[in-house]
Amino acid sequence: MKNAYQRKKQPELVRRQLLDVAARLSLEQGIAAVTLDAVSQAAGVSKGGLLHHFPNKLALLDGLFDELVARFDRSIEEAMAADDVEKGRFTRAYLTVCFALDREAEAQGWQVLTVALLAEPHLKARWRDWVAWRAAEFPATDSSPNCLLARFAADGVWLADLMQSHDIDASTRAALLQKLKALSLE
């Protein structure tokens, strides 16, 4: 006998939902709260459904990391494409993207990534690999001490935004960004 109703399978939608729930739990309660049981229950997905997409917690965090870093990369590539000055182009794009993270619709995702990077040694190593890979792409144009200093400052702004430790008005923020971009040209 055939079932009268079968739910249409939408694996990408389920995967997206699981990642969104993991991100929310991580931000609201910390990485420790991201358990397979908690994510499957909050997402309304069976544990077997979750395990189909992510066989363990590390795979779930890796999926979240991969998605956010891919978005970060796309944003950097878009900013680089809009910049016709080769010297320091990657650094200026990095600055632009980092300074915009606090007002993006996906700011919560970046906060989750940052929290996860601080908490999970495996993700710290993956971030270090990403930073090294990107730095190795542009040694002739973005390896100066000034470019490195500007990127370090952007990381500081990113962390300050996450911690909400500094109340920087828009004009001051824009001035900081311009000064840091100018460093990439020296």
C-alpha atoms as a PDB file:
ATOM      1  CA  MET A   1       0.000   0.000   0.000  1.00  0.00           C
ATOM      2  CA  LYS A   2       1.338   3.415  -0.971  1.00  0.00           C
ATOM      3  CA  ASN A   3       1.523   6.283   1.415  1.00  0.00           C
ATOM      4  CA  ALA A   4      -1.064   8.914   0.496  1.00  0.00           C
ATOM      5  CA  TYR A   5       1.336  11.718   1.388  1.00  0.00           C
ATOM      6  CA  GLN A   6       5.084  11.886   1.089  1.00  0.00           C
ATOM      7  CA  ARG A   7       6.966  14.947   2.129  1.00  0.00           C
ATOM      8  CA  LYS A   8       9.042  16.391  -0.684  1.00  0.00           C
ATOM      9  CA  LYS A   9      12.723  16.070   0.099  1.00  0.00           C
ATOM     10  CA  GLN A  10      14.579  19.357   0.136  1.00  0.00           C
ATOM     11  CA  PRO A  11      18.095  18.519   1.292  1.00  0.00           C
ATOM     12  CA  GLU A  12      19.565  21.989   0.728  1.00  0.00           C
ATOM     13  CA  LEU A  13      16.743  23.614   2.653  1.00  0.00           C
ATOM     14  CA  VAL A  14      17.218  21.184   5.550  1.00  0.00           C
ATOM     15  CA  ARG A  15      20.991  21.699   5.499  1.00  0.00           C
ATOM     16  CA  ARG A  16      20.514  25.481   5.531  1.00  0.00           C
ATOM     17  CA  GLN A  17      18.035  25.209   8.410  1.00  0.00           C
ATOM     18  CA  LEU A  18      20.459  23.084  10.443  1.00  0.00           C
ATOM     19  CA  LEU A  19      23.282  25.574   9.890  1.00  0.00           C
ATOM     20  CA  ASP A  20      21.038  28.505  10.834  1.00  0.00           C
ATOM     21  CA  VAL A  21      19.984  26.791  14.062  1.00  0.00           C
ATOM     22  CA  ALA A  22      23.590  25.884  14.909  1.00  0.00           C
ATOM     23  CA  ALA A  23      24.604  29.503  14.337  1.00  0.00           C
ATOM     24  CA  ARG A  24      21.797  30.819  16.514  1.00  0.00           C
ATOM     25  CA  LEU A  25      22.503  28.371  19.347  1.00  0.00           C
ATOM     26  CA  SER A  26      26.211  29.166  19.191  1.00  0.00           C
ATOM     27  CA  LEU A  27      25.605  32.887  19.391  1.00  0.00           C
ATOM     28  CA  GLU A  28      22.932  32.736  22.094  1.00  0.00           C
ATOM     29  CA  GLN A  29      24.395  30.022  24.315  1.00  0.00           C
ATOM     30  CA  GLY A  30      27.977  29.403  23.162  1.00  0.00           C
ATOM     31  CA  ILE A  31      29.606  26.609  21.183  1.00  0.00           C
ATOM     32  CA  ALA A  32      29.027  24.106  23.996  1.00  0.00           C
ATOM     33  CA  ALA A  33      25.263  24.426  23.414  1.00  0.00           C
ATOM     34  CA  VAL A  34      25.661  23.241  19.831  1.00  0.00           C
ATOM     35  CA  THR A  35      24.962  19.548  20.321  1.00  0.00           C
ATOM     36  CA  LEU A  36      23.474  17.281  17.695  1.00  0.00           C
ATOM     37  CA  ASP A  37      20.410  16.721  19.867  1.00  0.00           C
ATOM     38  CA  ALA A  38      19.868  20.436  20.504  1.00  0.00           C
ATOM     39  CA  VAL A  39      20.290  21.352  16.830  1.00  0.00           C
ATOM     40  CA  SER A  40      18.019  18.594  15.513  1.00  0.00           C
ATOM     41  CA  GLN A  41      15.335  19.389  18.084  1.00  0.00           C
ATOM     42  CA  ALA A  42      15.448  23.169  17.523  1.00  0.00           C
ATOM     43  CA  ALA A  43      15.425  22.698  13.744  1.00  0.00           C
ATOM     44  CA  GLY A  44      12.546  20.230  13.849  1.00  0.00           C
ATOM     45  CA  VAL A  45      14.645  17.665  12.014  1.00  0.00           C
ATOM     46  CA  SER A  46      15.147  14.083  13.145  1.00  0.00           C
ATOM     47  CA  LYS A  47      18.567  13.245  14.473  1.00  0.00           C
ATOM     48  CA  GLY A  48      18.949  10.851  11.539  1.00  0.00           C
ATOM     49  CA  GLY A  49      18.174  13.739   9.179  1.00  0.00           C
ATOM     50  CA  LEU A  50      20.838  15.848  10.846  1.00  0.00           C
ATOM     51  CA  LEU A  51      23.345  12.977  10.746  1.00  0.00           C
ATOM     52  CA  HIS A  52      22.673  12.585   7.012  1.00  0.00           C
ATOM     53  CA  HIS A  53      24.055  16.104   6.494  1.00  0.00           C
ATOM     54  CA  PHE A  54      26.516  16.349   9.387  1.00  0.00           C
ATOM     55  CA  PRO A  55      27.812  13.088  10.924  1.00  0.00           C
ATOM     56  CA  ASN A  56      29.118  14.870  14.058  1.00  0.00           C
ATOM     57  CA  LYS A  57      29.393  18.252  15.762  1.00  0.00           C
ATOM     58  CA  LEU A  58      32.730  19.007  14.134  1.00  0.00           C
ATOM     59  CA  ALA A  59      31.244  18.431  10.688  1.00  0.00           C
ATOM     60  CA  LEU A  60      28.402  20.814  11.582  1.00  0.00           C
ATOM     61  CA  LEU A  61      30.860  23.503  12.722  1.00  0.00           C
ATOM     62  CA  ASP A  62      32.969  22.878   9.611  1.00  0.00           C
ATOM     63  CA  GLY A  63      29.867  23.357   7.471  1.00  0.00           C
ATOM     64  CA  LEU A  64      29.119  26.640   9.181  1.00  0.00           C
ATOM     65  CA  PHE A  65      32.745  27.735   8.823  1.00  0.00           C
ATOM     66  CA  ASP A  66      32.839  26.771   5.128  1.00  0.00           C
ATOM     67  CA  GLU A  67      29.693  28.682   4.347  1.00  0.00           C
ATOM     68  CA  LEU A  68      30.706  31.853   6.154  1.00  0.00           C
ATOM     69  CA  VAL A  69      34.254  31.879   4.792  1.00  0.00           C
ATOM     70  CA  ALA A  70      32.926  31.323   1.260  1.00  0.00           C
ATOM     71  CA  ARG A  71      30.693  34.393   1.693  1.00  0.00           C
ATOM     72  CA  PHE A  72      33.626  36.340   3.145  1.00  0.00           C
ATOM     73  CA  ASP A  73      35.769  35.323   0.153  1.00  0.00           C
ATOM     74  CA  ARG A  74      33.060  36.344  -2.325  1.00  0.00           C
ATOM     75  CA  SER A  75      32.755  39.744  -0.660  1.00  0.00           C
ATOM     76  CA  ILE A  76      36.527  40.218  -0.815  1.00  0.00           C
ATOM     77  CA  GLU A  77      36.608  39.213  -4.487  1.00  0.00           C
ATOM     78  CA  GLU A  78      33.798  41.688  -5.267  1.00  0.00           C
ATOM     79  CA  ALA A  79      35.642  44.494  -3.474  1.00  0.00           C
ATOM     80  CA  MET A  80      38.874  43.615  -5.292  1.00  0.00           C
ATOM     81  CA  ALA A  81      37.095  43.659  -8.648  1.00  0.00           C
ATOM     82  CA  ALA A  82      35.905  47.211  -7.930  1.00  0.00           C
ATOM     83  CA  ASP A  83      39.453  48.429  -7.115  1.00  0.00           C
ATOM     84  CA  ASP A  84      41.700  49.244 -10.085  1.00  0.00           C
ATOM     85  CA  VAL A  85      44.866  49.905  -8.044  1.00  0.00           C
ATOM     86  CA  GLU A  86      46.889  46.713  -7.780  1.00  0.00           C
ATOM     87  CA  LYS A  87      49.161  47.650  -4.840  1.00  0.00           C
ATOM     88  CA  GLY A  88      47.366  46.725  -1.609  1.00  0.00           C
ATOM     89  CA  ARG A  89      44.155  45.681  -3.394  1.00  0.00           C
ATOM     90  CA  PHE A  90      43.591  42.587  -1.269  1.00  0.00           C
ATOM     91  CA  THR A  91      44.246  44.539   1.928  1.00  0.00           C
ATOM     92  CA  ARG A  92      41.762  47.278   0.975  1.00  0.00           C
ATOM     93  CA  ALA A  93      39.166  44.639   0.108  1.00  0.00           C
ATOM     94  CA  TYR A  94      39.772  42.886   3.443  1.00  0.00           C
ATOM     95  CA  LEU A  95      39.377  46.215   5.237  1.00  0.00           C
ATOM     96  CA  THR A  96      36.179  47.039   3.364  1.00  0.00           C
ATOM     97  CA  VAL A  97      34.608  43.688   4.168  1.00  0.00           C
ATOM     98  CA  CYS A  98      35.678  43.639   7.832  1.00  0.00           C
ATOM     99  CA  PHE A  99      34.427  47.171   8.427  1.00  0.00           C
ATOM    100  CA  ALA A 100      31.075  46.279   6.851  1.00  0.00           C
ATOM    101  CA  LEU A 101      30.489  43.093   8.856  1.00  0.00           C
ATOM    102  CA  ASP A 102      28.702  44.840  11.724  1.00  0.00           C
ATOM    103  CA  ARG A 103      25.995  46.289   9.507  1.00  0.00           C
ATOM    104  CA  GLU A 104      25.475  43.326   7.205  1.00  0.00           C
ATOM    105  CA  ALA A 105      22.251  41.399   7.370  1.00  0.00           C
ATOM    106  CA  GLU A 106      24.398  38.354   8.146  1.00  0.00           C
ATOM    107  CA  ALA A 107      26.283  40.007  11.014  1.00  0.00           C
ATOM    108  CA  GLN A 108      25.090  37.223  13.320  1.00  0.00           C
ATOM    109  CA  GLY A 109      26.835  34.645  11.153  1.00  0.00           C
ATOM    110  CA  TRP A 110      30.124  36.498  11.398  1.00  0.00           C
ATOM    111  CA  GLN A 111      29.717  36.756  15.157  1.00  0.00           C
ATOM    112  CA  VAL A 112      29.189  33.006  15.296  1.00  0.00           C
ATOM    113  CA  LEU A 113      32.270  32.395  13.172  1.00  0.00           C
ATOM    114  CA  THR A 114      34.376  34.614  15.408  1.00  0.00           C
ATOM    115  CA  VAL A 115      33.117  32.937  18.581  1.00  0.00           C
ATOM    116  CA  ALA A 116      33.739  29.515  17.037  1.00  0.00           C
ATOM    117  CA  LEU A 117      37.246  30.535  15.980  1.00  0.00           C
ATOM    118  CA  LEU A 118      38.041  31.558  19.529  1.00  0.00           C
ATOM    119  CA  ALA A 119      36.586  28.367  21.015  1.00  0.00           C
ATOM    120  CA  GLU A 120      37.509  25.567  18.631  1.00  0.00           C
ATOM    121  CA  PRO A 121      41.196  24.738  17.968  1.00  0.00           C
ATOM    122  CA  HIS A 122      40.278  22.919  14.745  1.00  0.00           C
ATOM    123  CA  LEU A 123      38.554  26.025  13.366  1.00  0.00           C
ATOM    124  CA  LYS A 124      41.425  28.265  14.507  1.00  0.00           C
ATOM    125  CA  ALA A 125      43.743  26.093  12.427  1.00  0.00           C
ATOM    126  CA  ARG A 126      41.417  26.309   9.437  1.00  0.00           C
ATOM    127  CA  TRP A 127      41.273  30.115   9.764  1.00  0.00           C
ATOM    128  CA  ARG A 128      45.080  30.291   9.976  1.00  0.00           C
ATOM    129  CA  ASP A 129      45.236  28.191   6.795  1.00  0.00           C
ATOM    130  CA  TRP A 130      42.802  30.552   5.056  1.00  0.00           C
ATOM    131  CA  VAL A 131      44.812  33.624   6.131  1.00  0.00           C
ATOM    132  CA  ALA A 132      48.082  32.022   4.962  1.00  0.00           C
ATOM    133  CA  TRP A 133      46.519  30.963   1.643  1.00  0.00           C
ATOM    134  CA  ARG A 134      45.162  34.463   0.965  1.00  0.00           C
ATOM    135  CA  ALA A 135      48.434  36.152   2.014  1.00  0.00           C
ATOM    136  CA  ALA A 136      50.374  33.831  -0.306  1.00  0.00           C
ATOM    137  CA  GLU A 137      48.171  34.893  -3.223  1.00  0.00           C
ATOM    138  CA  PHE A 138      49.352  38.495  -3.126  1.00  0.00           C
ATOM    139  CA  PRO A 139      52.968  38.610  -1.902  1.00  0.00           C
ATOM    140  CA  ALA A 140      54.044  41.247  -4.422  1.00  0.00           C
ATOM    141  CA  THR A 141      51.185  43.632  -3.660  1.00  0.00           C
ATOM    142  CA  ASP A 142      50.075  43.038  -0.061  1.00  0.00           C
ATOM    143  CA  SER A 143      53.012  41.773   1.997  1.00  0.00           C
ATOM    144  CA  SER A 144      54.333  45.110   3.253  1.00  0.00           C
ATOM    145  CA  PRO A 145      54.348  45.827   6.985  1.00  0.00           C
ATOM    146  CA  ASN A 146      51.778  48.574   6.363  1.00  0.00           C
ATOM    147  CA  CYS A 147      49.375  46.149   4.681  1.00  0.00           C
ATOM    148  CA  LEU A 148      49.809  43.678   7.515  1.00  0.00           C
ATOM    149  CA  LEU A 149      49.268  46.431  10.090  1.00  0.00           C
ATOM    150  CA  ALA A 150      46.079  47.528   8.306  1.00  0.00           C
ATOM    151  CA  ARG A 151      44.724  43.955   8.255  1.00  0.00           C
ATOM    152  CA  PHE A 152      45.568  43.543  11.952  1.00  0.00           C
ATOM    153  CA  ALA A 153      43.653  46.754  12.667  1.00  0.00           C
ATOM    154  CA  ALA A 154      40.676  45.412  10.703  1.00  0.00           C
ATOM    155  CA  ASP A 155      40.759  42.262  12.836  1.00  0.00           C
ATOM    156  CA  GLY A 156      40.685  44.520  15.905  1.00  0.00           C
ATOM    157  CA  VAL A 157      37.647  46.375  14.587  1.00  0.00           C
ATOM    158  CA  TRP A 158      35.976  43.027  13.871  1.00  0.00           C
ATOM    159  CA  LEU A 159      36.612  41.895  17.439  1.00  0.00           C
ATOM    160  CA  ALA A 160      35.492  45.256  18.883  1.00  0.00           C
ATOM    161  CA  ASP A 161      32.270  44.980  16.880  1.00  0.00           C
ATOM    162  CA  LEU A 162      31.719  41.464  18.188  1.00  0.00           C
ATOM    163  CA  MET A 163      32.355  42.496  21.781  1.00  0.00           C
ATOM    164  CA  GLN A 164      30.465  45.767  21.323  1.00  0.00           C
ATOM    165  CA  SER A 165      33.344  47.309  23.270  1.00  0.00           C
ATOM    166  CA  HIS A 166      33.589  50.600  21.382  1.00  0.00           C
ATOM    167  CA  ASP A 167      30.829  52.932  20.297  1.00  0.00           C
ATOM    168  CA  ILE A 168      32.293  54.368  17.101  1.00  0.00           C
ATOM    169  CA  ASP A 169      30.107  56.788  15.167  1.00  0.00           C
ATOM    170  CA  ALA A 170      29.796  56.398  11.404  1.00  0.00           C
ATOM    171  CA  SER A 171      32.032  59.335  10.494  1.00  0.00           C
ATOM    172  CA  THR A 172      34.851  58.174  12.789  1.00  0.00           C
ATOM    173  CA  ARG A 173      34.496  54.648  11.440  1.00  0.00           C
ATOM    174  CA  ALA A 174      34.726  55.934   7.864  1.00  0.00           C
ATOM    175  CA  ALA A 175      37.816  58.006   8.758  1.00  0.00           C
ATOM    176  CA  LEU A 176      39.504  54.955  10.312  1.00  0.00           C
ATOM    177  CA  LEU A 177      38.761  52.907   7.211  1.00  0.00           C
ATOM    178  CA  GLN A 178      40.222  55.583   4.922  1.00  0.00           C
ATOM    179  CA  LYS A 179      43.406  55.909   7.021  1.00  0.00           C
ATOM    180  CA  LEU A 180      43.893  52.158   6.995  1.00  0.00           C
ATOM    181  CA  LYS A 181      43.296  51.979   3.241  1.00  0.00           C
ATOM    182  CA  ALA A 182      45.898  54.706   2.761  1.00  0.00           C
ATOM    183  CA  LEU A 183      48.420  52.513   4.598  1.00  0.00           C
ATOM    184  CA  SER A 184      48.000  49.863   1.906  1.00  0.00           C
ATOM    185  CA  LEU A 185      49.308  52.300  -0.705  1.00  0.00           C
ATOM    186  CA  GLU A 186      52.520  53.233   1.145  1.00  0.00           C
END
